[in-house]
Structure formats: structure tokens, C-alpha cells
Amino acid sequence: MSKELPFFKFNATEWITGNISYESFELQGAFISVCAEYWNRNNNLTIDEAKLRLRHATIVDLLIEKNYLKTKKNKIVITFLDKEREEIESKRLKLSESGRKGGLSRAKASLKQGSSIKEVDKDKEYNIAERKQKFAFNLASFVDIYGKQMIRDFYDYWTEHGEKDKKMRYEKETSFNLDARLNRWNKNVQERNKPKFNAPTTIID
């Protein structure tokens, strides 16, 4: 207590109007000295320690006799300093609790922020623009097989999506095997590009 708060409250009015002010300066000084020692020892001072500190056993006994100092089990009790100690301890506990709650709040806020970052990362992972790039990257290895134009057409078709859509066309499919889809697409292209021969309407002899 003395290290954290090396001084205690001194009410001048109570001192002047109290009975102690009518005592000798020696007794007043002895009382203040005992108070200082009591506070310095964190409100834990025995009668013998007080006598040893003042080097005057009789004057300590006189302070006790006049009820300026109270005793309990061979220990000095100074009520107003005990009350002050209790107030300080109470304030310290409140500050400690506030600090703990503040720390928890900051921790929760930090955790919440961390969660938000993860959520952003998750959203970023599922960002359509990035998924398009990933889809294009997967298609790149098929360019030599099917040619740039077909791959481009395939890409444009399957990455189509509405303005508010969260998924592209290929993502809405129940299953999507890229190799199989490309093979089927290529067959369809070849089928469409086959030359068409119309049957002659007249018979030539």
C-alpha cells in the first residue's frame, strides 16, 4: 500500500476539532508517527512494533488508554486509515475489473475483426472475377488440342452470369467435368461445321 500510495488523507478540520488537538504536541506528534508507521506497514502494526518505532512505550500506552489508538489481538487498529485502505482496494478492484472487461472487449473486437478478415478472404476466394481466372487457367492446357477460338467460345459460354448472380453457368451444373465437357463441345462444333448437301430436286439422266 505504501509503495503504491505513499500518503494518506489528512482532514485538517477533523484534526483541529478533534480531541487530539487538545493534547500535548508530544502526544499529537506520537499519534502522527504511529499513523505513518501503520500506513507504511500496510495497516499491519503490532503494539510492540509501535513502541519500538517511537522508542517510547509509555506514550504508546497513553494513546491506547485515551482511545486514540485501538487494539485487537496485540495489533494497532487505526480506523480512519483502515477505511481509506478499503476505499483504495475497492477502487483498485473496480479498475481491475474494468480493465479486464476492456481487455475482453478488445479481445472480442480483435477476434471479430479476425473473423471478418477470414470472411473477406472467403468472399475473395469465391469472387467471380477470380473464379473466372481460375477457370481460364484450367482451360489453358487445352488450347493446343482444341484451338484458341473454341476454348474462347467455351469459356465465354460457361462463365456467363447475371449481374446479381453469385454463380456462373458452369457452377450451376450438378456436375461439370471439364475434359468431358470440352470433348462434347468439340464434337458439337464439328457437327455444326459439317458441310451440308441438299438432295437434288431433279433427276439428271
Protein backbone atom coordinates (compact mmCIF):
# COMPACT_ATOMS: atom_id res chain seq x y z
CA MET A 1 0.00 0.00 0.00
CA SER A 2 2.75 2.43 0.97
CA LYS A 3 4.65 1.81 -2.26
CA GLU A 4 1.59 2.29 -4.43
CA LEU A 5 0.27 5.22 -2.39
CA PRO A 6 2.90 6.69 -0.02
CA PHE A 7 0.48 9.19 1.51
CA PHE A 8 -2.89 9.08 3.22
CA LYS A 9 -5.71 11.60 3.53
CA PHE A 10 -5.44 14.11 6.32
CA ASN A 11 -8.61 16.02 7.20
CA ALA A 12 -7.47 19.30 8.78
CA THR A 13 -10.94 20.16 10.09
CA GLU A 14 -11.37 16.84 11.85
CA TRP A 15 -7.90 17.19 13.33
CA ILE A 16 -8.46 20.70 14.63
CA THR A 17 -11.92 19.94 16.03
CA GLY A 18 -10.97 16.51 17.39
CA ASN A 19 -9.86 15.78 20.95
CA ILE A 20 -6.31 15.08 19.79
CA SER A 21 -5.79 18.77 19.12
CA TYR A 22 -6.14 19.46 22.87
CA GLU A 23 -3.34 17.10 23.73
CA SER A 24 0.32 17.98 24.05
CA PHE A 25 2.36 18.41 20.91
CA GLU A 26 4.35 15.38 22.02
CA LEU A 27 1.24 13.21 22.07
CA GLN A 28 -0.02 14.68 18.78
CA GLY A 29 3.35 14.03 17.16
CA ALA A 30 3.41 10.49 18.53
CA PHE A 31 -0.02 9.81 17.10
CA ILE A 32 1.01 11.06 13.64
CA SER A 33 4.21 8.99 13.81
CA VAL A 34 2.23 5.84 14.64
CA CYS A 35 -0.17 6.62 11.77
CA ALA A 36 2.75 6.99 9.35
CA GLU A 37 4.29 3.71 10.51
CA TYR A 38 0.92 1.96 10.36
CA TRP A 39 0.38 3.12 6.77
CA ASN A 40 3.94 2.28 5.79
CA ARG A 41 3.40 -1.29 7.02
CA ASN A 42 0.19 -1.67 5.05
CA ASN A 43 -2.02 -1.26 8.12
CA ASN A 44 -0.30 -4.11 9.91
CA LEU A 45 1.45 -2.89 13.04
CA THR A 46 1.74 -4.56 16.44
CA ILE A 47 1.81 -2.66 19.72
CA ASP A 48 5.40 -3.74 20.34
CA GLU A 49 6.46 -2.53 16.87
CA ALA A 50 4.82 0.85 17.56
CA LYS A 51 6.65 1.15 20.88
CA LEU A 52 9.92 0.17 19.26
CA ARG A 53 9.40 2.68 16.43
CA LEU A 54 8.63 5.56 18.78
CA ARG A 55 11.18 4.36 21.35
CA HIS A 56 8.68 5.35 23.98
CA ALA A 57 6.43 2.59 25.33
CA THR A 58 4.64 4.86 27.78
CA ILE A 59 3.39 7.30 25.16
CA VAL A 60 2.02 4.45 23.00
CA ASP A 61 0.20 3.09 26.06
CA LEU A 62 -1.19 6.59 26.67
CA LEU A 63 -2.51 6.84 23.11
CA ILE A 64 -4.19 3.48 23.61
CA GLU A 65 -5.54 4.47 27.00
CA LYS A 66 -7.07 7.68 25.60
CA ASN A 67 -8.59 5.62 22.78
CA TYR A 68 -6.69 7.46 20.00
CA LEU A 69 -5.29 4.09 19.08
CA LYS A 70 -7.39 0.96 19.22
CA THR A 71 -6.02 -2.52 19.59
CA LYS A 72 -7.04 -6.01 18.56
CA LYS A 73 -5.04 -9.10 19.47
CA ASN A 74 -1.89 -7.14 20.21
CA LYS A 75 -2.19 -5.17 17.00
CA ILE A 76 -2.77 -1.47 16.48
CA VAL A 77 -6.03 -0.52 14.79
CA ILE A 78 -6.44 2.95 13.26
CA THR A 79 -9.99 3.08 11.96
CA PHE A 80 -9.79 6.01 9.54
CA LEU A 81 -6.73 4.52 7.82
CA ASP A 82 -8.42 1.12 7.55
CA LYS A 83 -11.42 2.78 5.90
CA GLU A 84 -9.12 4.58 3.50
CA ARG A 85 -7.37 1.33 2.68
CA GLU A 86 -10.72 -0.35 1.99
CA GLU A 87 -11.73 2.50 -0.34
CA ILE A 88 -8.47 2.22 -2.25
CA GLU A 89 -8.78 -1.56 -2.51
CA SER A 90 -12.37 -1.17 -3.72
CA LYS A 91 -11.33 1.34 -6.37
CA ARG A 92 -8.44 -0.88 -7.41
CA LEU A 93 -10.76 -3.87 -7.81
CA LYS A 94 -13.18 -1.79 -9.88
CA LEU A 95 -10.36 -0.55 -12.09
CA SER A 96 -9.02 -4.07 -12.41
CA GLU A 97 -12.47 -5.36 -13.34
CA SER A 98 -12.94 -2.53 -15.84
CA GLY A 99 -9.53 -3.30 -17.30
CA ARG A 100 -10.38 -6.98 -17.52
CA LYS A 101 -13.69 -6.22 -19.24
CA GLY A 102 -11.93 -3.75 -21.50
CA GLY A 103 -9.36 -6.39 -22.32
CA LEU A 104 -12.10 -8.89 -23.07
CA SER A 105 -13.88 -6.33 -25.24
CA ARG A 106 -10.70 -5.63 -27.15
CA ALA A 107 -10.07 -9.34 -27.48
CA LYS A 108 -13.60 -9.89 -28.74
CA ALA A 109 -13.23 -6.97 -31.11
CA SER A 110 -9.91 -8.36 -32.29
CA LEU A 111 -11.47 -11.79 -32.68
CA LYS A 112 -14.42 -10.27 -34.51
CA GLN A 113 -12.05 -8.36 -36.77
CA GLY A 114 -10.10 -11.55 -37.38
CA SER A 115 -13.34 -13.31 -38.27
CA SER A 116 -14.22 -10.50 -40.62
CA ILE A 117 -10.86 -10.83 -42.31
CA LYS A 118 -11.47 -14.54 -42.74
CA GLU A 119 -14.90 -13.83 -44.12
CA VAL A 120 -13.41 -11.32 -46.54
CA ASP A 121 -10.85 -13.90 -47.55
CA LYS A 122 -13.62 -16.41 -48.00
CA ASP A 123 -15.58 -13.96 -50.13
CA LYS A 124 -12.45 -13.16 -52.01
CA GLU A 125 -11.91 -16.86 -52.64
CA TYR A 126 -15.37 -17.06 -54.13
CA ASN A 127 -15.16 -13.80 -56.03
CA ILE A 128 -16.47 -14.39 -59.55
CA ALA A 129 -13.65 -12.48 -61.24
CA GLU A 130 -11.07 -14.66 -59.55
CA ARG A 131 -13.01 -17.81 -60.27
CA LYS A 132 -13.12 -16.82 -63.93
CA GLN A 133 -9.36 -16.50 -63.93
CA LYS A 134 -9.05 -19.92 -62.33
CA PHE A 135 -11.41 -21.38 -64.93
CA ALA A 136 -9.40 -19.77 -67.74
CA PHE A 137 -6.20 -21.12 -66.25
CA ASN A 138 -7.63 -24.65 -66.26
CA LEU A 139 -8.64 -24.22 -69.90
CA ALA A 140 -5.20 -23.02 -70.99
CA SER A 141 -3.80 -26.54 -71.17
CA PHE A 142 -6.45 -27.49 -73.76
CA VAL A 143 -5.64 -24.71 -76.23
CA ASP A 144 -3.18 -26.88 -78.16
CA ILE A 145 -5.82 -29.61 -78.50
CA TYR A 146 -8.89 -27.60 -79.42
CA GLY A 147 -7.51 -24.24 -80.55
CA LYS A 148 -7.88 -20.76 -79.11
CA GLN A 149 -11.20 -19.92 -80.70
CA MET A 150 -13.04 -22.96 -79.41
CA ILE A 151 -11.58 -22.54 -75.95
CA ARG A 152 -12.61 -18.89 -76.03
CA ASP A 153 -16.16 -19.71 -77.05
CA PHE A 154 -16.33 -22.44 -74.44
CA TYR A 155 -15.05 -20.01 -71.77
CA ASP A 156 -17.49 -17.24 -72.73
CA TYR A 157 -20.44 -19.60 -72.66
CA TRP A 158 -19.76 -21.34 -69.37
CA THR A 159 -18.64 -18.27 -67.41
CA GLU A 160 -21.76 -16.33 -68.28
CA HIS A 161 -23.70 -14.98 -65.28
CA GLY A 162 -26.27 -12.34 -64.46
CA GLU A 163 -25.39 -9.08 -62.76
CA LYS A 164 -26.69 -10.27 -59.39
CA ASP A 165 -25.76 -13.92 -59.84
CA LYS A 166 -23.32 -15.43 -57.39
CA LYS A 167 -22.59 -18.35 -59.67
CA MET A 168 -21.52 -18.71 -63.27
CA ARG A 169 -23.28 -21.02 -65.69
CA TYR A 170 -20.89 -23.93 -65.20
CA GLU A 171 -21.21 -23.62 -61.41
CA LYS A 172 -24.96 -24.11 -61.61
CA GLU A 173 -24.47 -27.53 -63.15
CA THR A 174 -24.92 -30.56 -60.91
CA SER A 175 -21.60 -31.89 -62.16
CA PHE A 176 -19.01 -30.43 -64.50
CA ASN A 177 -16.13 -32.49 -65.82
CA LEU A 178 -14.01 -30.11 -67.84
CA ASP A 179 -12.41 -32.71 -70.08
CA ALA A 180 -15.74 -34.39 -70.86
CA ARG A 181 -17.48 -31.08 -71.49
CA LEU A 182 -14.74 -29.92 -73.85
CA ASN A 183 -14.87 -33.17 -75.75
CA ARG A 184 -18.62 -32.89 -76.15
CA TRP A 185 -18.33 -29.23 -77.13
CA ASN A 186 -15.76 -30.09 -79.76
CA LYS A 187 -18.00 -32.80 -81.22
CA ASN A 188 -20.88 -30.36 -81.40
CA VAL A 189 -18.69 -27.80 -83.17
CA GLN A 190 -17.55 -30.38 -85.66
CA GLU A 191 -21.12 -31.48 -86.23
CA ARG A 192 -22.24 -27.93 -86.89
CA ASN A 193 -19.35 -27.34 -89.25
CA LYS A 194 -20.00 -30.40 -91.41
CA PRO A 195 -20.82 -29.46 -94.97
CA LYS A 196 -24.47 -29.93 -95.75
CA PHE A 197 -25.50 -31.42 -99.10
CA ASN A 198 -29.06 -30.93 -100.18
CA ALA A 199 -30.64 -33.76 -102.12
CA PRO A 200 -31.16 -32.78 -105.80
CA THR A 201 -34.75 -31.90 -106.65
CA THR A 202 -34.44 -33.14 -110.26
CA ILE A 203 -33.08 -36.33 -111.65
CA ILE A 204 -30.36 -35.93 -114.15
CA ASP A 205 -30.20 -38.62 -116.81
